[in-house]
Amino acid sequence: MTYELVCSKCGHTIYSGFDLRSPNDILKPMSYSCKKCGTKLNPSNFKVDVMKLEGKFA
């Protein structure tokens, strides 16, 4: 299962990977801002959405 962290303002994917990491650990090295639009991001404002993807995955 892929885990993604996405900017709520511009939709830029900040992190995508198989490791479940806290938003704080991902955003801290980036000074808590989106690299694309520069919006300041608060780790406590992120929510988790679980989505089913169609297709075969090995």
PDB file of N, CA and C in Angstrom:
ATOM      1  N   MET A   1       0.839  -1.170   0.000  1.00  0.00           N
ATOM      2  CA  MET A   1       0.000   0.000   0.000  1.00  0.00           C
ATOM      3  C   MET A   1       0.889   1.239   0.000  1.00  0.00           C
ATOM      4  N   THR A   2       0.560   2.206  -0.836  1.00  0.00           N
ATOM      5  CA  THR A   2       1.325   3.441  -0.932  1.00  0.00           C
ATOM      6  C   THR A   2       0.734   4.491  -0.006  1.00  0.00           C
ATOM      7  N   TYR A   3       1.612   5.213   0.640  1.00  0.00           N
ATOM      8  CA  TYR A   3       1.235   6.286   1.551  1.00  0.00           C
ATOM      9  C   TYR A   3       1.658   7.599   0.903  1.00  0.00           C
ATOM     10  N   GLU A   4       0.742   8.557   0.809  1.00  0.00           N
ATOM     11  CA  GLU A   4       1.055   9.841   0.185  1.00  0.00           C
ATOM     12  C   GLU A   4       0.701  10.992   1.112  1.00  0.00           C
ATOM     13  N   LEU A   5       1.517  12.029   1.053  1.00  0.00           N
ATOM     14  CA  LEU A   5       1.253  13.279   1.766  1.00  0.00           C
ATOM     15  C   LEU A   5       1.153  14.347   0.688  1.00  0.00           C
ATOM     16  N   VAL A   6      -0.011  15.032   0.614  1.00  0.00           N
ATOM     17  CA  VAL A   6      -0.305  15.950  -0.478  1.00  0.00           C
ATOM     18  C   VAL A   6      -0.613  17.340   0.075  1.00  0.00           C
ATOM     19  N   CYS A   7      -0.103  18.376  -0.581  1.00  0.00           N
ATOM     20  CA  CYS A   7      -0.389  19.758  -0.196  1.00  0.00           C
ATOM     21  C   CYS A   7      -1.865  20.047  -0.442  1.00  0.00           C
ATOM     22  N   SER A   8      -2.536  20.588   0.563  1.00  0.00           N
ATOM     23  CA  SER A   8      -3.967  20.857   0.438  1.00  0.00           C
ATOM     24  C   SER A   8      -4.259  22.072  -0.442  1.00  0.00           C
ATOM     25  N   LYS A   9      -3.279  22.914  -0.671  1.00  0.00           N
ATOM     26  CA  LYS A   9      -3.508  24.113  -1.492  1.00  0.00           C
ATOM     27  C   LYS A   9      -3.290  23.844  -2.981  1.00  0.00           C
ATOM     28  N   CYS A  10      -2.145  23.255  -3.345  1.00  0.00           N
ATOM     29  CA  CYS A  10      -1.831  23.093  -4.767  1.00  0.00           C
ATOM     30  C   CYS A  10      -1.934  21.648  -5.267  1.00  0.00           C
ATOM     31  N   GLY A  11      -2.080  20.677  -4.355  1.00  0.00           N
ATOM     32  CA  GLY A  11      -2.209  19.281  -4.761  1.00  0.00           C
ATOM     33  C   GLY A  11      -0.891  18.581  -5.035  1.00  0.00           C
ATOM     34  N   HIS A  12       0.226  19.256  -4.790  1.00  0.00           N
ATOM     35  CA  HIS A  12       1.551  18.675  -5.011  1.00  0.00           C
ATOM     36  C   HIS A  12       1.789  17.511  -4.050  1.00  0.00           C
ATOM     37  N   THR A  13       2.304  16.387  -4.567  1.00  0.00           N
ATOM     38  CA  THR A  13       2.627  15.246  -3.719  1.00  0.00           C
ATOM     39  C   THR A  13       3.951  15.524  -3.025  1.00  0.00           C
ATOM     40  N   ILE A  14       3.889  15.675  -1.708  1.00  0.00           N
ATOM     41  CA  ILE A  14       5.060  15.990  -0.905  1.00  0.00           C
ATOM     42  C   ILE A  14       5.845  14.727  -0.590  1.00  0.00           C
ATOM     43  N   TYR A  15       5.128  13.639  -0.355  1.00  0.00           N
ATOM     44  CA  TYR A  15       5.770  12.353  -0.066  1.00  0.00           C
ATOM     45  C   TYR A  15       4.909  11.240  -0.632  1.00  0.00           C
ATOM     46  N   SER A  16       5.552  10.238  -1.210  1.00  0.00           N
ATOM     47  CA  SER A  16       4.875   9.046  -1.688  1.00  0.00           C
ATOM     48  C   SER A  16       5.797   7.868  -1.460  1.00  0.00           C
ATOM     49  N   GLY A  17       5.310   6.874  -0.728  1.00  0.00           N
ATOM     50  CA  GLY A  17       6.139   5.717  -0.449  1.00  0.00           C
ATOM     51  C   GLY A  17       5.373   4.642   0.285  1.00  0.00           C
ATOM     52  N   PHE A  18       6.052   3.543   0.576  1.00  0.00           N
ATOM     53  CA  PHE A  18       5.430   2.418   1.256  1.00  0.00           C
ATOM     54  C   PHE A  18       5.583   2.498   2.771  1.00  0.00           C
ATOM     55  N   ASP A  19       6.472   3.376   3.252  1.00  0.00           N
ATOM     56  CA  ASP A  19       6.691   3.525   4.685  1.00  0.00           C
ATOM     57  C   ASP A  19       5.702   4.517   5.265  1.00  0.00           C
ATOM     58  N   LEU A  20       4.976   4.086   6.295  1.00  0.00           N
ATOM     59  CA  LEU A  20       4.040   4.963   6.978  1.00  0.00           C
ATOM     60  C   LEU A  20       4.853   5.850   7.915  1.00  0.00           C
ATOM     61  N   ARG A  21       4.948   7.129   7.577  1.00  0.00           N
ATOM     62  CA  ARG A  21       5.719   8.099   8.364  1.00  0.00           C
ATOM     63  C   ARG A  21       4.791   9.201   8.839  1.00  0.00           C
ATOM     64  N   SER A  22       5.128   9.808   9.959  1.00  0.00           N
ATOM     65  CA  SER A  22       4.290  10.890  10.465  1.00  0.00           C
ATOM     66  C   SER A  22       4.486  12.139   9.601  1.00  0.00           C
ATOM     67  N   PRO A  23       3.424  12.941   9.441  1.00  0.00           N
ATOM     68  CA  PRO A  23       3.556  14.186   8.681  1.00  0.00           C
ATOM     69  C   PRO A  23       4.647  15.089   9.253  1.00  0.00           C
ATOM     70  N   ASN A  24       4.827  15.078  10.556  1.00  0.00           N
ATOM     71  CA  ASN A  24       5.861  15.895  11.183  1.00  0.00           C
ATOM     72  C   ASN A  24       7.258  15.488  10.701  1.00  0.00           C
ATOM     73  N   ASP A  25       7.531  14.185  10.629  1.00  0.00           N
ATOM     74  CA  ASP A  25       8.838  13.694  10.169  1.00  0.00           C
ATOM     75  C   ASP A  25       9.101  14.045   8.708  1.00  0.00           C
ATOM     76  N   ILE A  26       8.055  14.096   7.907  1.00  0.00           N
ATOM     77  CA  ILE A  26       8.196  14.414   6.485  1.00  0.00           C
ATOM     78  C   ILE A  26       8.380  15.914   6.272  1.00  0.00           C
ATOM     79  N   LEU A  27       7.618  16.728   6.996  1.00  0.00           N
ATOM     80  CA  LEU A  27       7.616  18.174   6.778  1.00  0.00           C
ATOM     81  C   LEU A  27       8.761  18.917   7.461  1.00  0.00           C
ATOM     82  N   LYS A  28       9.294  18.384   8.547  1.00  0.00           N
ATOM     83  CA  LYS A  28      10.343  19.081   9.305  1.00  0.00           C
ATOM     84  C   LYS A  28      11.562  19.441   8.447  1.00  0.00           C
ATOM     85  N   PRO A  29      12.116  18.514   7.657  1.00  0.00           N
ATOM     86  CA  PRO A  29      13.275  18.877   6.822  1.00  0.00           C
ATOM     87  C   PRO A  29      12.967  19.928   5.754  1.00  0.00           C
ATOM     88  N   MET A  30      11.686  20.122   5.450  1.00  0.00           N
ATOM     89  CA  MET A  30      11.274  21.089   4.424  1.00  0.00           C
ATOM     90  C   MET A  30      10.780  22.383   5.065  1.00  0.00           C
ATOM     91  N   SER A  31      11.079  22.589   6.339  1.00  0.00           N
ATOM     92  CA  SER A  31      10.656  23.787   7.082  1.00  0.00           C
ATOM     93  C   SER A  31       9.139  23.952   7.089  1.00  0.00           C
ATOM     94  N   TYR A  32       8.425  22.818   7.076  1.00  0.00           N
ATOM     95  CA  TYR A  32       6.959  22.807   7.166  1.00  0.00           C
ATOM     96  C   TYR A  32       6.292  23.622   6.062  1.00  0.00           C
ATOM     97  N   SER A  33       6.861  23.582   4.856  1.00  0.00           N
ATOM     98  CA  SER A  33       6.232  24.284   3.743  1.00  0.00           C
ATOM     99  C   SER A  33       6.313  23.446   2.470  1.00  0.00           C
ATOM    100  N   CYS A  34       5.358  23.681   1.571  1.00  0.00           N
ATOM    101  CA  CYS A  34       5.304  22.971   0.300  1.00  0.00           C
ATOM    102  C   CYS A  34       6.423  23.492  -0.614  1.00  0.00           C
ATOM    103  N   LYS A  35       7.140  22.573  -1.245  1.00  0.00           N
ATOM    104  CA  LYS A  35       8.226  22.970  -2.141  1.00  0.00           C
ATOM    105  C   LYS A  35       7.708  23.651  -3.405  1.00  0.00           C
ATOM    106  N   LYS A  36       6.475  23.339  -3.813  1.00  0.00           N
ATOM    107  CA  LYS A  36       5.944  23.878  -5.057  1.00  0.00           C
ATOM    108  C   LYS A  36       5.334  25.270  -4.885  1.00  0.00           C
ATOM    109  N   CYS A  37       4.436  25.426  -3.895  1.00  0.00           N
ATOM    110  CA  CYS A  37       3.724  26.704  -3.768  1.00  0.00           C
ATOM    111  C   CYS A  37       4.164  27.538  -2.562  1.00  0.00           C
ATOM    112  N   GLY A  38       4.954  26.952  -1.662  1.00  0.00           N
ATOM    113  CA  GLY A  38       5.474  27.692  -0.519  1.00  0.00           C
ATOM    114  C   GLY A  38       4.516  27.829   0.655  1.00  0.00           C
ATOM    115  N   THR A  39       3.342  27.213   0.580  1.00  0.00           N
ATOM    116  CA  THR A  39       2.366  27.285   1.663  1.00  0.00           C
ATOM    117  C   THR A  39       2.918  26.642   2.929  1.00  0.00           C
ATOM    118  N   LYS A  40       2.746  27.314   4.057  1.00  0.00           N
ATOM    119  CA  LYS A  40       3.138  26.737   5.348  1.00  0.00           C
ATOM    120  C   LYS A  40       2.152  25.638   5.697  1.00  0.00           C
ATOM    121  N   LEU A  41       2.665  24.485   6.091  1.00  0.00           N
ATOM    122  CA  LEU A  41       1.833  23.321   6.378  1.00  0.00           C
ATOM    123  C   LEU A  41       1.952  22.931   7.843  1.00  0.00           C
ATOM    124  N   ASN A  42       0.836  22.623   8.462  1.00  0.00           N
ATOM    125  CA  ASN A  42       0.785  22.224   9.858  1.00  0.00           C
ATOM    126  C   ASN A  42       0.565  20.709   9.911  1.00  0.00           C
ATOM    127  N   PRO A  43       1.495  19.949  10.494  1.00  0.00           N
ATOM    128  CA  PRO A  43       1.367  18.487  10.528  1.00  0.00           C
ATOM    129  C   PRO A  43       0.072  17.999  11.176  1.00  0.00           C
ATOM    130  N   SER A  44      -0.477  18.740  12.110  1.00  0.00           N
ATOM    131  CA  SER A  44      -1.697  18.286  12.786  1.00  0.00           C
ATOM    132  C   SER A  44      -2.950  18.485  11.927  1.00  0.00           C
ATOM    133  N   ASN A  45      -2.853  19.191  10.809  1.00  0.00           N
ATOM    134  CA  ASN A  45      -4.003  19.422   9.940  1.00  0.00           C
ATOM    135  C   ASN A  45      -4.191  18.348   8.875  1.00  0.00           C
ATOM    136  N   PHE A  46      -3.300  17.370   8.811  1.00  0.00           N
ATOM    137  CA  PHE A  46      -3.416  16.321   7.801  1.00  0.00           C
ATOM    138  C   PHE A  46      -4.370  15.246   8.276  1.00  0.00           C
ATOM    139  N   LYS A  47      -5.115  14.659   7.322  1.00  0.00           N
ATOM    140  CA  LYS A  47      -6.027  13.574   7.637  1.00  0.00           C
ATOM    141  C   LYS A  47      -5.657  12.369   6.784  1.00  0.00           C
ATOM    142  N   VAL A  48      -6.145  11.212   7.170  1.00  0.00           N
ATOM    143  CA  VAL A  48      -5.851   9.976   6.454  1.00  0.00           C
ATOM    144  C   VAL A  48      -7.091   9.562   5.681  1.00  0.00           C
ATOM    145  N   ASP A  49      -6.909   9.350   4.378  1.00  0.00           N
ATOM    146  CA  ASP A  49      -7.966   8.814   3.520  1.00  0.00           C
ATOM    147  C   ASP A  49      -7.496   7.469   2.991  1.00  0.00           C
ATOM    148  N   VAL A  50      -8.344   6.451   3.084  1.00  0.00           N
ATOM    149  CA  VAL A  50      -8.020   5.134   2.554  1.00  0.00           C
ATOM    150  C   VAL A  50      -8.828   4.961   1.276  1.00  0.00           C
ATOM    151  N   MET A  51      -8.106   4.669   0.183  1.00  0.00           N
ATOM    152  CA  MET A  51      -8.765   4.541  -1.115  1.00  0.00           C
ATOM    153  C   MET A  51      -8.431   3.201  -1.735  1.00  0.00           C
ATOM    154  N   LYS A  52      -9.435   2.531  -2.282  1.00  0.00           N
ATOM    155  CA  LYS A  52      -9.227   1.269  -2.959  1.00  0.00           C
ATOM    156  C   LYS A  52      -8.835   1.546  -4.400  1.00  0.00           C
ATOM    157  N   LEU A  53      -7.753   0.914  -4.837  1.00  0.00           N
ATOM    158  CA  LEU A  53      -7.286   1.062  -6.218  1.00  0.00           C
ATOM    159  C   LEU A  53      -7.608  -0.213  -6.978  1.00  0.00           C
ATOM    160  N   GLU A  54      -8.093  -0.077  -8.186  1.00  0.00           N
ATOM    161  CA  GLU A  54      -8.417  -1.229  -9.019  1.00  0.00           C
ATOM    162  C   GLU A  54      -7.169  -1.723  -9.732  1.00  0.00           C
ATOM    163  N   GLY A  55      -7.120  -3.018 -10.013  1.00  0.00           N
ATOM    164  CA  GLY A  55      -6.015  -3.572 -10.763  1.00  0.00           C
ATOM    165  C   GLY A  55      -5.261  -4.609  -9.959  1.00  0.00           C
ATOM    166  N   LYS A  56      -4.260  -5.215 -10.605  1.00  0.00           N
ATOM    167  CA  LYS A  56      -3.455  -6.240  -9.954  1.00  0.00           C
ATOM    168  C   LYS A  56      -2.177  -5.609  -9.427  1.00  0.00           C
ATOM    169  N   PHE A  57      -1.837  -5.978  -8.234  1.00  0.00           N
ATOM    170  CA  PHE A  57      -0.599  -5.504  -7.603  1.00  0.00           C
ATOM    171  C   PHE A  57       0.132  -6.700  -7.054  1.00  0.00           C
ATOM    172  N   ALA A  58       1.405  -6.789  -7.336  1.00  0.00           N
ATOM    173  CA  ALA A  58       2.195  -7.929  -6.868  1.00  0.00           C
ATOM    174  C   ALA A  58       2.936  -7.598  -5.602  1.00  0.00           C
TER     175      ALA A  58
END
